[in-house]
Amino acid sequence: MNGIQETLIGGVAGGSSILVPALGELVGQRAGVVNLGMEGCMLSGALGAYATTVVTGSALVGLLGGLAAGALCGLLHSWLVVMRGADR
């Protein structure tokens, strides 16, 4: 493989991890909801997955930890915006 092919393959491999959250945000924006905290929730999920994997040594448990951390961050963000009116 030459350098151009490797660059294109790396771009597709690196970009596919952000594809699912981007599609989810697209659906949310089409519904009229703008979530400016999505990147923070993604970051907390990644940090939670890394920390859980390092502590337990299991990638599956790390995946579940990342899902839980991202979900808790999203739940906190939605509660602050909807119930507490933090967007005003």
PDB file of N, CA and C in Angstrom:
ATOM      1  N   MET A   1       0.838  -1.189   0.000  1.00  0.00           N
ATOM      2  CA  MET A   1       0.000   0.000   0.000  1.00  0.00           C
ATOM      3  C   MET A   1       0.878   1.246   0.000  1.00  0.00           C
ATOM      4  N   ASN A   2       0.399   2.250  -0.668  1.00  0.00           N
ATOM      5  CA  ASN A   2       1.143   3.505  -0.657  1.00  0.00           C
ATOM      6  C   ASN A   2       0.580   4.435   0.421  1.00  0.00           C
ATOM      7  N   GLY A   3       1.178   5.577   0.565  1.00  0.00           N
ATOM      8  CA  GLY A   3       0.796   6.501   1.630  1.00  0.00           C
ATOM      9  C   GLY A   3      -0.609   7.058   1.494  1.00  0.00           C
ATOM     10  N   ILE A   4      -1.065   7.252   0.249  1.00  0.00           N
ATOM     11  CA  ILE A   4      -2.415   7.801   0.048  1.00  0.00           C
ATOM     12  C   ILE A   4      -3.473   6.801   0.487  1.00  0.00           C
ATOM     13  N   GLN A   5      -3.277   5.527   0.141  1.00  0.00           N
ATOM     14  CA  GLN A   5      -4.233   4.503   0.558  1.00  0.00           C
ATOM     15  C   GLN A   5      -4.262   4.367   2.074  1.00  0.00           C
ATOM     16  N   GLU A   6      -3.112   4.391   2.699  1.00  0.00           N
ATOM     17  CA  GLU A   6      -3.057   4.280   4.156  1.00  0.00           C
ATOM     18  C   GLU A   6      -3.730   5.472   4.823  1.00  0.00           C
ATOM     19  N   THR A   7      -3.572   6.641   4.259  1.00  0.00           N
ATOM     20  CA  THR A   7      -4.224   7.833   4.805  1.00  0.00           C
ATOM     21  C   THR A   7      -5.733   7.731   4.685  1.00  0.00           C
ATOM     22  N   LEU A   8      -6.218   7.291   3.540  1.00  0.00           N
ATOM     23  CA  LEU A   8      -7.658   7.147   3.347  1.00  0.00           C
ATOM     24  C   LEU A   8      -8.244   6.069   4.260  1.00  0.00           C
ATOM     25  N   ILE A   9      -7.550   4.957   4.394  1.00  0.00           N
ATOM     26  CA  ILE A   9      -8.021   3.888   5.280  1.00  0.00           C
ATOM     27  C   ILE A   9      -8.038   4.372   6.731  1.00  0.00           C
ATOM     28  N   GLY A  10      -7.005   5.108   7.138  1.00  0.00           N
ATOM     29  CA  GLY A  10      -6.968   5.658   8.495  1.00  0.00           C
ATOM     30  C   GLY A  10      -8.067   6.672   8.740  1.00  0.00           C
ATOM     31  N   GLY A  11      -8.382   7.462   7.724  1.00  0.00           N
ATOM     32  CA  GLY A  11      -9.468   8.436   7.868  1.00  0.00           C
ATOM     33  C   GLY A  11     -10.818   7.780   8.032  1.00  0.00           C
ATOM     34  N   VAL A  12     -11.071   6.730   7.275  1.00  0.00           N
ATOM     35  CA  VAL A  12     -12.342   6.007   7.405  1.00  0.00           C
ATOM     36  C   VAL A  12     -12.412   5.289   8.744  1.00  0.00           C
ATOM     37  N   ALA A  13     -11.319   4.662   9.157  1.00  0.00           N
ATOM     38  CA  ALA A  13     -11.307   3.950  10.437  1.00  0.00           C
ATOM     39  C   ALA A  13     -11.463   4.925  11.607  1.00  0.00           C
ATOM     40  N   GLY A  14     -10.807   6.068  11.539  1.00  0.00           N
ATOM     41  CA  GLY A  14     -10.915   7.043  12.621  1.00  0.00           C
ATOM     42  C   GLY A  14     -12.244   7.768  12.638  1.00  0.00           C
ATOM     43  N   GLY A  15     -12.810   8.013  11.475  1.00  0.00           N
ATOM     44  CA  GLY A  15     -14.070   8.745  11.400  1.00  0.00           C
ATOM     45  C   GLY A  15     -15.294   7.910  11.708  1.00  0.00           C
ATOM     46  N   SER A  16     -15.174   6.589  11.574  1.00  0.00           N
ATOM     47  CA  SER A  16     -16.354   5.749  11.815  1.00  0.00           C
ATOM     48  C   SER A  16     -16.738   5.712  13.294  1.00  0.00           C
ATOM     49  N   SER A  17     -15.796   6.002  14.194  1.00  0.00           N
ATOM     50  CA  SER A  17     -16.137   5.998  15.619  1.00  0.00           C
ATOM     51  C   SER A  17     -17.000   7.196  15.999  1.00  0.00           C
ATOM     52  N   ILE A  18     -16.961   8.255  15.230  1.00  0.00           N
ATOM     53  CA  ILE A  18     -17.765   9.439  15.518  1.00  0.00           C
ATOM     54  C   ILE A  18     -19.063   9.437  14.705  1.00  0.00           C
ATOM     55  N   LEU A  19     -19.211   8.477  13.794  1.00  0.00           N
ATOM     56  CA  LEU A  19     -20.365   8.445  12.904  1.00  0.00           C
ATOM     57  C   LEU A  19     -21.672   8.217  13.652  1.00  0.00           C
ATOM     58  N   VAL A  20     -21.705   7.264  14.565  1.00  0.00           N
ATOM     59  CA  VAL A  20     -22.950   6.942  15.274  1.00  0.00           C
ATOM     60  C   VAL A  20     -23.410   8.114  16.146  1.00  0.00           C
ATOM     61  N   PRO A  21     -22.551   8.726  16.972  1.00  0.00           N
ATOM     62  CA  PRO A  21     -23.021   9.891  17.730  1.00  0.00           C
ATOM     63  C   PRO A  21     -23.426  11.062  16.834  1.00  0.00           C
ATOM     64  N   ALA A  22     -22.738  11.229  15.729  1.00  0.00           N
ATOM     65  CA  ALA A  22     -23.097  12.315  14.813  1.00  0.00           C
ATOM     66  C   ALA A  22     -24.469  12.080  14.193  1.00  0.00           C
ATOM     67  N   LEU A  23     -24.768  10.843  13.847  1.00  0.00           N
ATOM     68  CA  LEU A  23     -26.093  10.535  13.311  1.00  0.00           C
ATOM     69  C   LEU A  23     -27.177  10.720  14.373  1.00  0.00           C
ATOM     70  N   GLY A  24     -26.865  10.361  15.614  1.00  0.00           N
ATOM     71  CA  GLY A  24     -27.821  10.578  16.700  1.00  0.00           C
ATOM     72  C   GLY A  24     -28.085  12.049  16.935  1.00  0.00           C
ATOM     73  N   GLU A  25     -27.050  12.857  16.876  1.00  0.00           N
ATOM     74  CA  GLU A  25     -27.222  14.302  17.034  1.00  0.00           C
ATOM     75  C   GLU A  25     -27.980  14.891  15.851  1.00  0.00           C
ATOM     76  N   LEU A  26     -27.775  14.356  14.664  1.00  0.00           N
ATOM     77  CA  LEU A  26     -28.508  14.815  13.492  1.00  0.00           C
ATOM     78  C   LEU A  26     -30.000  14.573  13.660  1.00  0.00           C
ATOM     79  N   VAL A  27     -30.363  13.408  14.159  1.00  0.00           N
ATOM     80  CA  VAL A  27     -31.776  13.104  14.398  1.00  0.00           C
ATOM     81  C   VAL A  27     -32.349  14.049  15.446  1.00  0.00           C
ATOM     82  N   GLY A  28     -31.577  14.300  16.509  1.00  0.00           N
ATOM     83  CA  GLY A  28     -32.034  15.215  17.544  1.00  0.00           C
ATOM     84  C   GLY A  28     -32.218  16.628  17.033  1.00  0.00           C
ATOM     85  N   GLN A  29     -31.301  17.094  16.201  1.00  0.00           N
ATOM     86  CA  GLN A  29     -31.413  18.450  15.666  1.00  0.00           C
ATOM     87  C   GLN A  29     -32.579  18.570  14.703  1.00  0.00           C
ATOM     88  N   ARG A  30     -32.860  17.515  13.950  1.00  0.00           N
ATOM     89  CA  ARG A  30     -34.012  17.546  13.052  1.00  0.00           C
ATOM     90  C   ARG A  30     -35.313  17.598  13.842  1.00  0.00           C
ATOM     91  N   ALA A  31     -35.283  17.087  15.084  1.00  0.00           N
ATOM     92  CA  ALA A  31     -36.461  17.138  15.942  1.00  0.00           C
ATOM     93  C   ALA A  31     -36.575  18.476  16.663  1.00  0.00           C
ATOM     94  N   GLY A  32     -35.572  19.325  16.517  1.00  0.00           N
ATOM     95  CA  GLY A  32     -35.624  20.649  17.118  1.00  0.00           C
ATOM     96  C   GLY A  32     -34.873  20.779  18.420  1.00  0.00           C
ATOM     97  N   VAL A  33     -34.061  19.797  18.772  1.00  0.00           N
ATOM     98  CA  VAL A  33     -33.301  19.827  20.020  1.00  0.00           C
ATOM     99  C   VAL A  33     -31.824  19.970  19.672  1.00  0.00           C
ATOM    100  N   VAL A  34     -31.177  20.976  20.229  1.00  0.00           N
ATOM    101  CA  VAL A  34     -29.750  21.168  20.014  1.00  0.00           C
ATOM    102  C   VAL A  34     -29.044  20.821  21.320  1.00  0.00           C
ATOM    103  N   ASN A  35     -28.224  19.801  21.279  1.00  0.00           N
ATOM    104  CA  ASN A  35     -27.506  19.349  22.464  1.00  0.00           C
ATOM    105  C   ASN A  35     -26.059  19.799  22.366  1.00  0.00           C
ATOM    106  N   LEU A  36     -25.740  20.905  23.010  1.00  0.00           N
ATOM    107  CA  LEU A  36     -24.369  21.409  22.978  1.00  0.00           C
ATOM    108  C   LEU A  36     -23.444  20.634  23.899  1.00  0.00           C
ATOM    109  N   GLY A  37     -24.000  19.789  24.753  1.00  0.00           N
ATOM    110  CA  GLY A  37     -23.189  19.015  25.679  1.00  0.00           C
ATOM    111  C   GLY A  37     -22.858  17.622  25.186  1.00  0.00           C
ATOM    112  N   MET A  38     -23.150  17.322  23.931  1.00  0.00           N
ATOM    113  CA  MET A  38     -22.916  15.983  23.414  1.00  0.00           C
ATOM    114  C   MET A  38     -21.440  15.612  23.436  1.00  0.00           C
ATOM    115  N   GLU A  39     -20.562  16.542  23.085  1.00  0.00           N
ATOM    116  CA  GLU A  39     -19.141  16.239  23.065  1.00  0.00           C
ATOM    117  C   GLU A  39     -18.625  15.919  24.475  1.00  0.00           C
ATOM    118  N   GLY A  40     -19.139  16.628  25.456  1.00  0.00           N
ATOM    119  CA  GLY A  40     -18.752  16.343  26.836  1.00  0.00           C
ATOM    120  C   GLY A  40     -19.219  14.976  27.296  1.00  0.00           C
ATOM    121  N   CYS A  41     -20.415  14.589  26.885  1.00  0.00           N
ATOM    122  CA  CYS A  41     -20.912  13.257  27.235  1.00  0.00           C
ATOM    123  C   CYS A  41     -20.094  12.175  26.541  1.00  0.00           C
ATOM    124  N   MET A  42     -19.700  12.422  25.306  1.00  0.00           N
ATOM    125  CA  MET A  42     -18.845  11.461  24.606  1.00  0.00           C
ATOM    126  C   MET A  42     -17.483  11.352  25.284  1.00  0.00           C
ATOM    127  N   LEU A  43     -16.951  12.479  25.715  1.00  0.00           N
ATOM    128  CA  LEU A  43     -15.661  12.474  26.389  1.00  0.00           C
ATOM    129  C   LEU A  43     -15.738  11.759  27.742  1.00  0.00           C
ATOM    130  N   SER A  44     -16.806  11.981  28.489  1.00  0.00           N
ATOM    131  CA  SER A  44     -16.940  11.289  29.767  1.00  0.00           C
ATOM    132  C   SER A  44     -17.145   9.790  29.568  1.00  0.00           C
ATOM    133  N   GLY A  45     -17.833   9.408  28.510  1.00  0.00           N
ATOM    134  CA  GLY A  45     -17.975   7.984  28.208  1.00  0.00           C
ATOM    135  C   GLY A  45     -16.647   7.348  27.848  1.00  0.00           C
ATOM    136  N   ALA A  46     -15.831   8.057  27.060  1.00  0.00           N
ATOM    137  CA  ALA A  46     -14.514   7.528  26.695  1.00  0.00           C
ATOM    138  C   ALA A  46     -13.611   7.418  27.919  1.00  0.00           C
ATOM    139  N   LEU A  47     -13.643   8.435  28.776  1.00  0.00           N
ATOM    140  CA  LEU A  47     -12.831   8.399  29.987  1.00  0.00           C
ATOM    141  C   LEU A  47     -13.309   7.288  30.922  1.00  0.00           C
ATOM    142  N   GLY A  48     -14.624   7.133  31.038  1.00  0.00           N
ATOM    143  CA  GLY A  48     -15.163   6.064  31.883  1.00  0.00           C
ATOM    144  C   GLY A  48     -14.793   4.686  31.360  1.00  0.00           C
ATOM    145  N   ALA A  49     -14.824   4.519  30.039  1.00  0.00           N
ATOM    146  CA  ALA A  49     -14.443   3.231  29.452  1.00  0.00           C
ATOM    147  C   ALA A  49     -12.967   2.940  29.688  1.00  0.00           C
ATOM    148  N   TYR A  50     -12.131   3.946  29.501  1.00  0.00           N
ATOM    149  CA  TYR A  50     -10.694   3.750  29.719  1.00  0.00           C
ATOM    150  C   TYR A  50     -10.397   3.417  31.175  1.00  0.00           C
ATOM    151  N   ALA A  51     -10.963   4.187  32.086  1.00  0.00           N
ATOM    152  CA  ALA A  51     -10.696   3.968  33.508  1.00  0.00           C
ATOM    153  C   ALA A  51     -11.205   2.604  33.961  1.00  0.00           C
ATOM    154  N   THR A  52     -12.380   2.218  33.500  1.00  0.00           N
ATOM    155  CA  THR A  52     -12.937   0.919  33.890  1.00  0.00           C
ATOM    156  C   THR A  52     -12.103  -0.221  33.326  1.00  0.00           C
ATOM    157  N   THR A  53     -11.644  -0.073  32.095  1.00  0.00           N
ATOM    158  CA  THR A  53     -10.821  -1.117  31.490  1.00  0.00           C
ATOM    159  C   THR A  53      -9.485  -1.251  32.209  1.00  0.00           C
ATOM    160  N   VAL A  54      -8.885  -0.132  32.594  1.00  0.00           N
ATOM    161  CA  VAL A  54      -7.601  -0.191  33.303  1.00  0.00           C
ATOM    162  C   VAL A  54      -7.774  -0.850  34.665  1.00  0.00           C
ATOM    163  N   VAL A  55      -8.851  -0.517  35.363  1.00  0.00           N
ATOM    164  CA  VAL A  55      -9.053  -1.056  36.711  1.00  0.00           C
ATOM    165  C   VAL A  55      -9.401  -2.542  36.671  1.00  0.00           C
ATOM    166  N   THR A  56     -10.316  -2.936  35.767  1.00  0.00           N
ATOM    167  CA  THR A  56     -10.777  -4.321  35.745  1.00  0.00           C
ATOM    168  C   THR A  56      -9.950  -5.219  34.841  1.00  0.00           C
ATOM    169  N   GLY A  57      -9.332  -4.665  33.812  1.00  0.00           N
ATOM    170  CA  GLY A  57      -8.581  -5.470  32.876  1.00  0.00           C
ATOM    171  C   GLY A  57      -9.445  -6.160  31.837  1.00  0.00           C
ATOM    172  N   SER A  58     -10.722  -5.852  31.796  1.00  0.00           N
ATOM    173  CA  SER A  58     -11.648  -6.471  30.853  1.00  0.00           C
ATOM    174  C   SER A  58     -12.209  -5.408  29.916  1.00  0.00           C
ATOM    175  N   ALA A  59     -12.096  -5.652  28.618  1.00  0.00           N
ATOM    176  CA  ALA A  59     -12.612  -4.700  27.639  1.00  0.00           C
ATOM    177  C   ALA A  59     -14.143  -4.656  27.657  1.00  0.00           C
ATOM    178  N   LEU A  60     -14.783  -5.774  27.909  1.00  0.00           N
ATOM    179  CA  LEU A  60     -16.245  -5.808  27.951  1.00  0.00           C
ATOM    180  C   LEU A  60     -16.780  -4.999  29.129  1.00  0.00           C
ATOM    181  N   VAL A  61     -16.172  -5.150  30.274  1.00  0.00           N
ATOM    182  CA  VAL A  61     -16.579  -4.363  31.441  1.00  0.00           C
ATOM    183  C   VAL A  61     -16.261  -2.888  31.206  1.00  0.00           C
ATOM    184  N   GLY A  62     -15.160  -2.599  30.518  1.00  0.00           N
ATOM    185  CA  GLY A  62     -14.827  -1.228  30.163  1.00  0.00           C
ATOM    186  C   GLY A  62     -15.860  -0.618  29.239  1.00  0.00           C
ATOM    187  N   LEU A  63     -16.334  -1.404  28.286  1.00  0.00           N
ATOM    188  CA  LEU A  63     -17.390  -0.938  27.389  1.00  0.00           C
ATOM    189  C   LEU A  63     -18.654  -0.598  28.168  1.00  0.00           C
ATOM    190  N   LEU A  64     -19.026  -1.452  29.084  1.00  0.00           N
ATOM    191  CA  LEU A  64     -20.210  -1.190  29.911  1.00  0.00           C
ATOM    192  C   LEU A  64     -20.002   0.033  30.804  1.00  0.00           C
ATOM    193  N   GLY A  65     -18.796   0.202  31.325  1.00  0.00           N
ATOM    194  CA  GLY A  65     -18.493   1.387  32.124  1.00  0.00           C
ATOM    195  C   GLY A  65     -18.574   2.659  31.310  1.00  0.00           C
ATOM    196  N   GLY A  66     -18.101   2.607  30.080  1.00  0.00           N
ATOM    197  CA  GLY A  66     -18.200   3.768  29.195  1.00  0.00           C
ATOM    198  C   GLY A  66     -19.639   4.101  28.845  1.00  0.00           C
ATOM    199  N   LEU A  67     -20.435   3.073  28.588  1.00  0.00           N
ATOM    200  CA  LEU A  67     -21.854   3.297  28.316  1.00  0.00           C
ATOM    201  C   LEU A  67     -22.546   3.930  29.520  1.00  0.00           C
ATOM    202  N   ALA A  68     -22.227   3.428  30.698  1.00  0.00           N
ATOM    203  CA  ALA A  68     -22.845   3.970  31.906  1.00  0.00           C
ATOM    204  C   ALA A  68     -22.419   5.414  32.155  1.00  0.00           C
ATOM    205  N   ALA A  69     -21.145   5.714  31.963  1.00  0.00           N
ATOM    206  CA  ALA A  69     -20.652   7.078  32.193  1.00  0.00           C
ATOM    207  C   ALA A  69     -21.280   8.056  31.199  1.00  0.00           C
ATOM    208  N   GLY A  70     -21.353   7.683  29.922  1.00  0.00           N
ATOM    209  CA  GLY A  70     -21.975   8.545  28.924  1.00  0.00           C
ATOM    210  C   GLY A  70     -23.460   8.740  29.176  1.00  0.00           C
ATOM    211  N   ALA A  71     -24.134   7.658  29.584  1.00  0.00           N
ATOM    212  CA  ALA A  71     -25.565   7.754  29.866  1.00  0.00           C
ATOM    213  C   ALA A  71     -25.831   8.630  31.089  1.00  0.00           C
ATOM    214  N   LEU A  72     -25.010   8.500  32.121  1.00  0.00           N
ATOM    215  CA  LEU A  72     -25.186   9.335  33.312  1.00  0.00           C
ATOM    216  C   LEU A  72     -24.931  10.811  33.004  1.00  0.00           C
ATOM    217  N   CYS A  73     -23.935  11.078  32.188  1.00  0.00           N
ATOM    218  CA  CYS A  73     -23.659  12.458  31.791  1.00  0.00           C
ATOM    219  C   CYS A  73     -24.827  13.028  30.990  1.00  0.00           C
ATOM    220  N   GLY A  74     -25.361  12.243  30.059  1.00  0.00           N
ATOM    221  CA  GLY A  74     -26.519  12.689  29.280  1.00  0.00           C
ATOM    222  C   GLY A  74     -27.747  12.892  30.152  1.00  0.00           C
ATOM    223  N   LEU A  75     -27.937  12.003  31.126  1.00  0.00           N
ATOM    224  CA  LEU A  75     -29.070  12.142  32.036  1.00  0.00           C
ATOM    225  C   LEU A  75     -28.945  13.399  32.881  1.00  0.00           C
ATOM    226  N   LEU A  76     -27.749  13.668  33.388  1.00  0.00           N
ATOM    227  CA  LEU A  76     -27.520  14.882  34.173  1.00  0.00           C
ATOM    228  C   LEU A  76     -27.731  16.128  33.320  1.00  0.00           C
ATOM    229  N   HIS A  77     -27.224  16.106  32.100  1.00  0.00           N
ATOM    230  CA  HIS A  77     -27.377  17.255  31.210  1.00  0.00           C
ATOM    231  C   HIS A  77     -28.848  17.495  30.879  1.00  0.00           C
ATOM    232  N   SER A  78     -29.580  16.430  30.585  1.00  0.00           N
ATOM    233  CA  SER A  78     -31.004  16.606  30.263  1.00  0.00           C
ATOM    234  C   SER A  78     -31.787  17.090  31.477  1.00  0.00           C
ATOM    235  N   TRP A  79     -31.445  16.619  32.670  1.00  0.00           N
ATOM    236  CA  TRP A  79     -32.147  17.083  33.866  1.00  0.00           C
ATOM    237  C   TRP A  79     -31.869  18.564  34.109  1.00  0.00           C
ATOM    238  N   LEU A  80     -30.613  18.969  33.941  1.00  0.00           N
ATOM    239  CA  LEU A  80     -30.280  20.375  34.141  1.00  0.00           C
ATOM    240  C   LEU A  80     -31.001  21.279  33.146  1.00  0.00           C
ATOM    241  N   VAL A  81     -31.115  20.841  31.904  1.00  0.00           N
ATOM    242  CA  VAL A  81     -31.737  21.676  30.881  1.00  0.00           C
ATOM    243  C   VAL A  81     -33.253  21.668  30.998  1.00  0.00           C
ATOM    244  N   VAL A  82     -33.848  20.498  31.151  1.00  0.00           N
ATOM    245  CA  VAL A  82     -35.311  20.398  31.133  1.00  0.00           C
ATOM    246  C   VAL A  82     -35.924  20.815  32.469  1.00  0.00           C
ATOM    247  N   MET A  83     -35.421  20.270  33.547  1.00  0.00           N
ATOM    248  CA  MET A  83     -36.047  20.512  34.858  1.00  0.00           C
ATOM    249  C   MET A  83     -35.564  21.807  35.514  1.00  0.00           C
ATOM    250  N   ARG A  84     -34.302  22.135  35.352  1.00  0.00           N
ATOM    251  CA  ARG A  84     -33.742  23.294  36.039  1.00  0.00           C
ATOM    252  C   ARG A  84     -33.638  24.526  35.162  1.00  0.00           C
ATOM    253  N   GLY A  85     -33.900  24.378  33.864  1.00  0.00           N
ATOM    254  CA  GLY A  85     -33.884  25.523  32.963  1.00  0.00           C
ATOM    255  C   GLY A  85     -32.508  26.126  32.759  1.00  0.00           C
ATOM    256  N   ALA A  86     -31.490  25.268  32.672  1.00  0.00           N
ATOM    257  CA  ALA A  86     -30.121  25.763  32.545  1.00  0.00           C
ATOM    258  C   ALA A  86     -29.841  26.379  31.176  1.00  0.00           C
ATOM    259  N   ASP A  87     -30.729  26.228  30.223  1.00  0.00           N
ATOM    260  CA  ASP A  87     -30.494  26.771  28.889  1.00  0.00           C
ATOM    261  C   ASP A  87     -31.025  28.186  28.738  1.00  0.00           C
ATOM    262  N   ARG A  88     -31.538  28.758  29.769  1.00  0.00           N
ATOM    263  CA  ARG A  88     -32.110  30.104  29.683  1.00  0.00           C
ATOM    264  C   ARG A  88     -31.166  31.140  30.180  1.00  0.00           C
TER     265      ARG A  88
END
